[in-house]
Amino acid sequence: MGNPTEDFAELVAGDDAAIPLDEVVLQIAAHAHPGRDIRVVLGQLDALAARVPDRAIEGLAERLFVVEGFHGNADDHDDPRNSYLDDVVERRTGIPISLSVLMIEVGRRAGIALEGVGMPGHFIVAPVGVDGVWYAPFEHGVRLDRAGAERLFTGVHGPGAPFRAEYLMPTPKRRIVDRWLLNLQRSLGVRDRRSVAWVLRLRLRIPDQSPSERHRIATMLGSVGAFTEAAAALDTVASQVAGDQGEQVTRQALAFRARGN
């Protein structure tokens, strides 16, 4: 068995377009399910794709969300199993991002190119090279136009929230992975705040995290008792920012390091 943290870091380190989302999120799940064989789940995705008719996106949506019964977990959105792809495949339920990645990866196997679209508060998919069309896996794979996507956004944020065209732009894969981990961080934190440490470690291994986000992650690591790791992460942040801000981050790192001794 490999080291899932190192395997995760290797998979997210390359060119963004080449990141295998299925393997990355299964390495995340391997932290919670160390005895499960990732290859079995990959084979299950292969089998789902083999049953998609005619390489058609409508057939993909019907196969997954009607015939196979995948659906949104509206009853327990914060169940961590919604963010473990092996559990999503087994239980046939998940949250918008996990069902979207499922649709993307089964679609890829079936010759249907899809991209993730991370709207604020919701996640959908778009067929590559097709303008003005999206699909909402959490809503049983329904096809959307722009007005439909706006309605989903309004349902989350309320009628007064301004909608921007950029919300419907494809989301880079590393940002999908980080959003996946952020959802898992929140789900685990509801149950046991200290249990999020391993998720925070993975988020720090994503190479293009901004200094401000690394600062937030490192601070949270320190808040759950991982003082030495938090200090090391803050040292990196301090080297990336200048002036008073860098000095402040350095003092914070020293404070965490003192608590870890």
Protein backbone atom coordinates (compact mmCIF):
# COMPACT_ATOMS: atom_id res chain seq x y z
CA MET A 1 0.00 0.00 0.00
CA GLY A 2 1.26 3.48 -0.77
CA ASN A 3 1.23 6.54 1.41
CA PRO A 4 -2.04 8.35 0.58
CA THR A 5 -0.71 11.76 1.63
CA GLU A 6 2.34 11.48 -0.61
CA ASP A 7 0.31 9.96 -3.43
CA PHE A 8 -2.19 12.82 -3.14
CA ALA A 9 0.60 15.41 -3.22
CA GLU A 10 2.16 13.83 -6.31
CA LEU A 11 -1.15 13.74 -8.17
CA VAL A 12 -1.97 17.42 -7.55
CA ALA A 13 1.55 18.67 -8.29
CA GLY A 14 1.48 18.40 -12.08
CA ASP A 15 -0.26 20.27 -14.86
CA ASP A 16 -3.76 21.20 -13.75
CA ALA A 17 -5.49 19.82 -16.83
CA ALA A 18 -3.80 16.44 -16.34
CA ILE A 19 -4.87 15.95 -12.71
CA PRO A 20 -6.90 12.70 -12.41
CA LEU A 21 -9.77 13.83 -10.21
CA ASP A 22 -10.98 10.29 -9.55
CA GLU A 23 -7.61 9.14 -8.22
CA VAL A 24 -7.05 12.32 -6.20
CA VAL A 25 -10.36 12.14 -4.36
CA LEU A 26 -9.89 8.42 -3.77
CA GLN A 27 -6.54 9.19 -2.12
CA ILE A 28 -8.48 11.56 0.13
CA ALA A 29 -10.88 8.74 0.97
CA ALA A 30 -7.93 6.42 1.65
CA HIS A 31 -7.12 8.49 4.74
CA ALA A 32 -10.49 7.52 6.21
CA HIS A 33 -10.62 4.00 4.70
CA PRO A 34 -7.03 2.72 4.67
CA GLY A 35 -8.07 -0.88 4.01
CA ARG A 36 -10.08 -0.25 0.87
CA ASP A 37 -8.62 -0.93 -2.58
CA ILE A 38 -8.80 2.16 -4.81
CA ARG A 39 -8.61 -0.04 -7.88
CA VAL A 40 -11.97 -1.58 -7.01
CA VAL A 41 -13.67 1.83 -7.07
CA LEU A 42 -11.95 2.76 -10.34
CA GLY A 43 -13.32 -0.47 -11.76
CA GLN A 44 -16.80 0.46 -10.57
CA LEU A 45 -16.51 3.77 -12.43
CA ASP A 46 -15.41 1.85 -15.53
CA ALA A 47 -18.48 -0.38 -15.23
CA LEU A 48 -20.81 2.60 -14.89
CA ALA A 49 -19.29 4.18 -18.00
CA ALA A 50 -19.69 0.96 -19.98
CA ARG A 51 -23.45 1.21 -19.44
CA VAL A 52 -23.76 4.78 -20.78
CA PRO A 53 -25.51 4.69 -24.18
CA ASP A 54 -24.06 6.24 -27.34
CA ARG A 55 -21.56 8.55 -25.65
CA ALA A 56 -24.43 11.00 -25.11
CA ILE A 57 -24.53 13.38 -22.16
CA GLU A 58 -28.30 12.99 -21.74
CA GLY A 59 -27.76 9.25 -21.61
CA LEU A 60 -25.03 9.74 -19.01
CA ALA A 61 -27.32 11.85 -16.82
CA GLU A 62 -30.16 9.35 -17.11
CA ARG A 63 -27.88 6.41 -16.41
CA LEU A 64 -26.40 7.90 -13.25
CA PHE A 65 -29.33 9.77 -11.75
CA VAL A 66 -32.31 7.71 -12.89
CA VAL A 67 -31.26 4.14 -13.65
CA GLU A 68 -28.41 3.86 -11.12
CA GLY A 69 -30.20 6.00 -8.56
CA PHE A 70 -27.45 8.45 -7.60
CA HIS A 71 -29.01 11.39 -5.76
CA GLY A 72 -28.24 14.31 -3.51
CA ASN A 73 -28.05 13.68 0.21
CA ALA A 74 -30.51 16.36 1.28
CA ASP A 75 -31.11 14.67 4.64
CA ASP A 76 -27.53 14.89 5.95
CA HIS A 77 -25.44 17.27 3.89
CA ASP A 78 -22.67 17.26 6.53
CA ASP A 79 -22.17 13.50 6.58
CA PRO A 80 -18.43 13.04 5.82
CA ARG A 81 -19.29 10.01 3.68
CA ASN A 82 -20.63 12.46 1.10
CA SER A 83 -16.99 13.43 0.51
CA TYR A 84 -15.53 9.92 0.20
CA LEU A 85 -15.97 8.80 -3.40
CA ASP A 86 -15.96 5.11 -2.49
CA ASP A 87 -18.89 5.74 -0.13
CA VAL A 88 -20.66 7.87 -2.75
CA VAL A 89 -20.45 5.01 -5.25
CA GLU A 90 -21.56 2.43 -2.68
CA ARG A 91 -24.36 4.47 -1.09
CA ARG A 92 -25.50 6.20 -4.31
CA THR A 93 -25.67 9.59 -2.57
CA GLY A 94 -23.46 12.64 -2.14
CA ILE A 95 -23.23 16.41 -2.24
CA PRO A 96 -23.07 18.61 -5.35
CA ILE A 97 -19.29 18.46 -5.74
CA SER A 98 -18.94 14.72 -5.21
CA LEU A 99 -21.80 13.91 -7.57
CA SER A 100 -20.31 16.33 -10.11
CA VAL A 101 -16.89 14.68 -9.97
CA LEU A 102 -18.62 11.31 -10.33
CA MET A 103 -20.39 12.57 -13.47
CA ILE A 104 -17.17 14.08 -14.84
CA GLU A 105 -15.16 10.90 -14.32
CA VAL A 106 -17.80 8.46 -15.58
CA GLY A 107 -18.35 10.80 -18.52
CA ARG A 108 -14.64 10.88 -19.32
CA ARG A 109 -14.60 7.10 -19.47
CA ALA A 110 -17.61 7.16 -21.78
CA GLY A 111 -16.03 9.69 -24.15
CA ILE A 112 -18.03 12.67 -22.81
CA ALA A 113 -15.86 15.64 -21.81
CA LEU A 114 -17.21 17.62 -18.85
CA GLU A 115 -15.82 20.39 -16.66
CA GLY A 116 -16.64 21.30 -13.09
CA VAL A 117 -18.29 24.67 -12.42
CA GLY A 118 -17.94 25.81 -8.82
CA MET A 119 -20.59 28.44 -8.34
CA PRO A 120 -20.59 30.04 -4.88
CA GLY A 121 -22.60 27.69 -2.70
CA HIS A 122 -23.32 25.09 -5.38
CA PHE A 123 -21.50 22.88 -7.87
CA ILE A 124 -22.56 21.88 -11.38
CA VAL A 125 -20.92 20.60 -14.58
CA ALA A 126 -20.63 21.87 -18.15
CA PRO A 127 -20.01 19.95 -21.38
CA VAL A 128 -16.71 21.02 -22.92
CA GLY A 129 -17.16 23.13 -26.05
CA VAL A 130 -20.92 23.65 -25.61
CA ASP A 131 -22.04 27.17 -24.69
CA GLY A 132 -24.98 27.96 -22.47
CA VAL A 133 -25.60 24.44 -21.15
CA TRP A 134 -24.94 23.02 -17.70
CA TYR A 135 -26.07 20.00 -15.68
CA ALA A 136 -26.88 19.82 -11.97
CA PRO A 137 -25.96 16.38 -10.55
CA PHE A 138 -27.40 17.16 -7.11
CA GLU A 139 -30.76 17.87 -8.78
CA HIS A 140 -30.89 14.46 -10.52
CA GLY A 141 -28.71 15.61 -13.42
CA VAL A 142 -31.21 18.14 -14.74
CA ARG A 143 -30.11 20.20 -17.76
CA LEU A 144 -29.81 23.93 -17.11
CA ASP A 145 -29.64 27.10 -19.16
CA ARG A 146 -28.26 30.29 -17.64
CA ALA A 147 -31.62 31.16 -16.07
CA GLY A 148 -31.75 27.73 -14.46
CA ALA A 149 -28.23 28.13 -13.07
CA GLU A 150 -29.19 31.52 -11.66
CA ARG A 151 -32.21 29.95 -9.96
CA LEU A 152 -29.94 27.44 -8.24
CA PHE A 153 -27.71 30.29 -7.08
CA THR A 154 -30.69 32.28 -5.82
CA GLY A 155 -31.97 29.25 -3.97
CA VAL A 156 -28.75 29.23 -1.95
CA HIS A 157 -28.10 32.95 -1.52
CA GLY A 158 -31.55 34.51 -1.69
CA PRO A 159 -33.20 36.73 -4.33
CA GLY A 160 -31.13 39.80 -3.54
CA ALA A 161 -27.72 38.24 -4.22
CA PRO A 162 -26.10 39.50 -7.44
CA PHE A 163 -25.23 36.82 -9.98
CA ARG A 164 -22.10 37.21 -12.11
CA ALA A 165 -21.25 35.54 -15.40
CA GLU A 166 -17.90 34.44 -13.97
CA TYR A 167 -19.74 32.08 -11.61
CA LEU A 168 -20.39 29.83 -14.61
CA MET A 169 -16.77 29.62 -15.73
CA PRO A 170 -15.00 26.23 -15.47
CA THR A 171 -13.16 25.65 -12.20
CA PRO A 172 -9.51 24.51 -12.35
CA LYS A 173 -9.01 21.00 -11.03
CA ARG A 174 -6.78 22.02 -8.12
CA ARG A 175 -9.50 24.40 -6.98
CA ILE A 176 -12.03 21.56 -7.24
CA VAL A 177 -9.79 19.44 -5.02
CA ASP A 178 -9.39 22.21 -2.47
CA ARG A 179 -13.14 22.85 -2.43
CA TRP A 180 -13.71 19.13 -1.93
CA LEU A 181 -11.36 19.18 1.05
CA LEU A 182 -12.95 22.33 2.45
CA ASN A 183 -16.35 20.60 2.40
CA LEU A 184 -14.84 17.61 4.20
CA GLN A 185 -13.13 19.92 6.69
CA ARG A 186 -16.49 21.45 7.57
CA SER A 187 -18.24 18.07 7.79
CA LEU A 188 -15.64 16.57 10.10
CA GLY A 189 -15.44 19.74 12.17
CA VAL A 190 -19.14 19.52 13.00
CA ARG A 191 -18.44 16.18 14.73
CA ASP A 192 -14.95 16.57 16.16
CA ARG A 193 -12.92 19.70 15.54
CA ARG A 194 -9.58 17.97 16.11
CA SER A 195 -10.33 15.38 13.44
CA VAL A 196 -9.77 17.92 10.66
CA ALA A 197 -5.97 17.95 11.04
CA TRP A 198 -5.31 15.43 8.27
CA VAL A 199 -7.57 17.37 5.88
CA LEU A 200 -5.68 20.57 6.65
CA ARG A 201 -2.40 18.78 5.94
CA LEU A 202 -3.68 17.76 2.52
CA ARG A 203 -4.81 21.30 1.76
CA LEU A 204 -1.29 22.53 2.50
CA ARG A 205 0.07 20.06 -0.07
CA ILE A 206 -1.85 21.74 -2.87
CA PRO A 207 0.92 23.74 -4.57
CA ASP A 208 -0.86 26.93 -5.64
CA GLN A 209 -2.55 27.85 -2.38
CA SER A 210 -2.29 31.61 -1.84
CA PRO A 211 -0.26 32.89 1.14
CA SER A 212 -3.44 34.15 2.78
CA GLU A 213 -5.13 30.76 2.46
CA ARG A 214 -2.01 28.97 3.73
CA HIS A 215 -2.06 31.34 6.67
CA ARG A 216 -5.66 30.42 7.47
CA ILE A 217 -4.98 26.69 7.13
CA ALA A 218 -1.85 26.87 9.28
CA THR A 219 -3.64 28.87 11.95
CA MET A 220 -6.39 26.24 12.05
CA LEU A 221 -3.79 23.48 12.33
CA GLY A 222 -2.39 25.23 15.37
CA SER A 223 -5.86 25.65 16.83
CA VAL A 224 -6.40 21.85 16.80
CA GLY A 225 -3.07 21.18 18.54
CA ALA A 226 -0.71 20.51 15.61
CA PHE A 227 1.63 23.24 16.81
CA THR A 228 4.88 22.14 15.15
CA GLU A 229 3.24 21.59 11.75
CA ALA A 230 1.45 24.92 12.03
CA ALA A 231 4.70 26.69 12.81
CA ALA A 232 6.44 25.14 9.80
CA ALA A 233 3.58 26.15 7.52
CA LEU A 234 3.67 29.69 8.89
CA ASP A 235 7.41 29.87 8.23
CA THR A 236 6.60 29.24 4.56
CA VAL A 237 3.95 31.95 4.59
CA ALA A 238 6.35 34.41 6.23
CA SER A 239 8.82 33.85 3.39
CA GLN A 240 6.11 34.75 0.86
CA VAL A 241 4.91 38.03 2.35
CA ALA A 242 6.81 41.20 3.14
CA GLY A 243 7.12 43.88 5.77
CA ASP A 244 5.02 43.99 8.92
CA GLN A 245 2.81 41.16 7.73
CA GLY A 246 5.78 38.83 7.40
CA GLU A 247 7.02 39.78 10.86
CA GLN A 248 3.59 39.15 12.34
CA VAL A 249 3.39 35.70 10.75
CA THR A 250 6.89 34.90 12.05
CA ARG A 251 5.85 35.84 15.59
CA GLN A 252 2.81 33.61 15.26
CA ALA A 253 5.03 30.73 14.12
CA LEU A 254 7.30 31.24 17.11
CA ALA A 255 4.32 31.20 19.45
CA PHE A 256 3.05 27.90 18.03
CA ARG A 257 6.55 26.41 18.13
CA ALA A 258 6.87 27.34 21.81
CA ARG A 259 3.59 25.57 22.55
CA GLY A 260 4.83 22.46 20.75
CA ASN A 261 7.96 22.12 22.90
